[in-house]
Every structure is written in structure tokens, then in C-alpha cells.
Amino acid sequence: MPNSYTTLWTNGLCRELERSGYAGQRLTMLFGGPHQSLPSFQRAGVQPGDRIYPVRVHRTRLHVLGMLEVARIVP
């Protein structure tokens, strides 16, 4: 059974994606790393088949920005 995870996207990141024309585009990949701003999916135990939901908190509301089913994790 697949697991589900959330990842918090900052308002700054969301604004930059909007300015760059990515708002409304289908998610094709997510990045993680050793920093708090982009935590490691590998360290969190994410596996192929799991689902990741990027979320944003804006003006006291939680927005689910999409869903991505993990096909593979690239180190």
C-alpha cells in the first residue's frame, strides 16, 4: 500500500513559479535535498508508488497544489 507525504512550498517559491509561467502546469518532478527548505525524500522514506502532495499556506488557508505519484527517486 502506498504512503502519502506532504511538502511545504514557500509563498516565495509559489510566486516565482507563477511569474515564470508554471502556474496550472502538470507536476512532473520534485526536488529534495539536505536543507530544511527542500527536505530529502529519500531520508523521509519515500518509495516509488508513494504520493507526494505539495502544499502552501497563504492568508491563513492551506492550499493543496497538486499530487505526484513517485515513479523513481534519483540520487
C-alpha atoms as a PDB file:
ATOM      1  CA  MET A   1       0.000   0.000   0.000  1.00  0.00           C
ATOM      2  CA  PRO A   2       1.496   3.373  -0.983  1.00  0.00           C
ATOM      3  CA  ASN A   3       2.214   6.066   1.587  1.00  0.00           C
ATOM      4  CA  SER A   4       1.323   9.742   1.257  1.00  0.00           C
ATOM      5  CA  TYR A   5       3.577  12.682   2.102  1.00  0.00           C
ATOM      6  CA  THR A   6       3.270  16.461   2.055  1.00  0.00           C
ATOM      7  CA  THR A   7       5.952  19.001   1.230  1.00  0.00           C
ATOM      8  CA  LEU A   8       5.547  22.669   2.111  1.00  0.00           C
ATOM      9  CA  TRP A   9       6.202  25.116  -0.699  1.00  0.00           C
ATOM     10  CA  THR A  10       7.000  28.643   0.446  1.00  0.00           C
ATOM     11  CA  ASN A  11       4.984  31.587  -0.771  1.00  0.00           C
ATOM     12  CA  GLY A  12       8.163  32.914  -2.390  1.00  0.00           C
ATOM     13  CA  LEU A  13       8.605  29.713  -4.395  1.00  0.00           C
ATOM     14  CA  CYS A  14       4.946  29.755  -5.447  1.00  0.00           C
ATOM     15  CA  ARG A  15       5.180  33.407  -6.550  1.00  0.00           C
ATOM     16  CA  GLU A  16       8.316  32.640  -8.587  1.00  0.00           C
ATOM     17  CA  LEU A  17       6.636  29.664 -10.262  1.00  0.00           C
ATOM     18  CA  GLU A  18       3.628  31.867 -11.098  1.00  0.00           C
ATOM     19  CA  ARG A  19       5.890  34.607 -12.538  1.00  0.00           C
ATOM     20  CA  SER A  20       7.735  32.012 -14.617  1.00  0.00           C
ATOM     21  CA  GLY A  21       4.525  30.700 -16.171  1.00  0.00           C
ATOM     22  CA  TYR A  22       4.333  27.381 -14.316  1.00  0.00           C
ATOM     23  CA  ALA A  23       1.020  28.010 -12.534  1.00  0.00           C
ATOM     24  CA  GLY A  24      -1.525  25.450 -13.688  1.00  0.00           C
ATOM     25  CA  GLN A  25       1.114  23.196 -15.265  1.00  0.00           C
ATOM     26  CA  ARG A  26       1.205  19.475 -14.523  1.00  0.00           C
ATOM     27  CA  LEU A  27       3.793  18.414 -11.939  1.00  0.00           C
ATOM     28  CA  THR A  28       6.489  16.232 -13.481  1.00  0.00           C
ATOM     29  CA  MET A  29       9.211  16.269 -10.811  1.00  0.00           C
ATOM     30  CA  LEU A  30      10.007  17.489  -7.330  1.00  0.00           C
ATOM     31  CA  PHE A  31      13.368  18.316  -5.806  1.00  0.00           C
ATOM     32  CA  GLY A  32      14.603  17.475  -2.336  1.00  0.00           C
ATOM     33  CA  GLY A  33      17.932  17.866  -0.649  1.00  0.00           C
ATOM     34  CA  PRO A  34      19.850  18.164   2.602  1.00  0.00           C
ATOM     35  CA  HIS A  35      18.346  21.529   3.616  1.00  0.00           C
ATOM     36  CA  GLN A  36      15.158  22.285   5.542  1.00  0.00           C
ATOM     37  CA  SER A  37      13.818  24.304   2.618  1.00  0.00           C
ATOM     38  CA  LEU A  38      13.911  21.187   0.380  1.00  0.00           C
ATOM     39  CA  PRO A  39      13.957  18.137   2.666  1.00  0.00           C
ATOM     40  CA  SER A  40      15.283  14.812   1.435  1.00  0.00           C
ATOM     41  CA  PHE A  41      12.575  12.496   0.126  1.00  0.00           C
ATOM     42  CA  GLN A  42      14.981   9.579   0.476  1.00  0.00           C
ATOM     43  CA  ARG A  43      15.595  10.347   4.143  1.00  0.00           C
ATOM     44  CA  ALA A  44      11.825  10.593   4.672  1.00  0.00           C
ATOM     45  CA  GLY A  45      11.470   7.044   3.328  1.00  0.00           C
ATOM     46  CA  VAL A  46       9.637   7.936   0.111  1.00  0.00           C
ATOM     47  CA  GLN A  47       9.485   4.992  -2.304  1.00  0.00           C
ATOM     48  CA  PRO A  48       8.220   4.510  -5.871  1.00  0.00           C
ATOM     49  CA  GLY A  49       4.436   4.295  -5.834  1.00  0.00           C
ATOM     50  CA  ASP A  50       4.082   6.739  -2.922  1.00  0.00           C
ATOM     51  CA  ARG A  51       2.224  10.022  -3.359  1.00  0.00           C
ATOM     52  CA  ILE A  52       3.541  13.490  -2.577  1.00  0.00           C
ATOM     53  CA  TYR A  53       1.234  16.462  -2.106  1.00  0.00           C
ATOM     54  CA  PRO A  54       2.891  19.906  -2.311  1.00  0.00           C
ATOM     55  CA  VAL A  55       1.029  22.346  -0.055  1.00  0.00           C
ATOM     56  CA  ARG A  56       1.121  26.097   0.526  1.00  0.00           C
ATOM     57  CA  VAL A  57      -0.159  28.194   3.422  1.00  0.00           C
ATOM     58  CA  HIS A  58      -1.389  31.575   2.194  1.00  0.00           C
ATOM     59  CA  ARG A  59      -3.545  34.084   4.064  1.00  0.00           C
ATOM     60  CA  THR A  60      -4.415  31.573   6.816  1.00  0.00           C
ATOM     61  CA  ARG A  61      -5.521  28.916   4.321  1.00  0.00           C
ATOM     62  CA  LEU A  62      -3.921  25.613   3.405  1.00  0.00           C
ATOM     63  CA  HIS A  63      -3.810  25.006  -0.358  1.00  0.00           C
ATOM     64  CA  VAL A  64      -3.091  21.562  -1.811  1.00  0.00           C
ATOM     65  CA  LEU A  65      -1.228  22.409  -5.024  1.00  0.00           C
ATOM     66  CA  GLY A  66      -1.274  19.009  -6.656  1.00  0.00           C
ATOM     67  CA  MET A  67      -0.336  15.363  -6.331  1.00  0.00           C
ATOM     68  CA  LEU A  68       2.599  13.473  -7.733  1.00  0.00           C
ATOM     69  CA  GLU A  69       2.931   9.696  -7.735  1.00  0.00           C
ATOM     70  CA  VAL A  70       6.590   8.759  -7.356  1.00  0.00           C
ATOM     71  CA  ALA A  71       7.940   6.772 -10.283  1.00  0.00           C
ATOM     72  CA  ARG A  72      11.561   6.802  -9.161  1.00  0.00           C
ATOM     73  CA  ILE A  73      13.967   8.602  -6.885  1.00  0.00           C
ATOM     74  CA  VAL A  74      17.118   9.954  -8.480  1.00  0.00           C
ATOM     75  CA  PRO A  75      20.014  10.435  -6.031  1.00  0.00           C
END
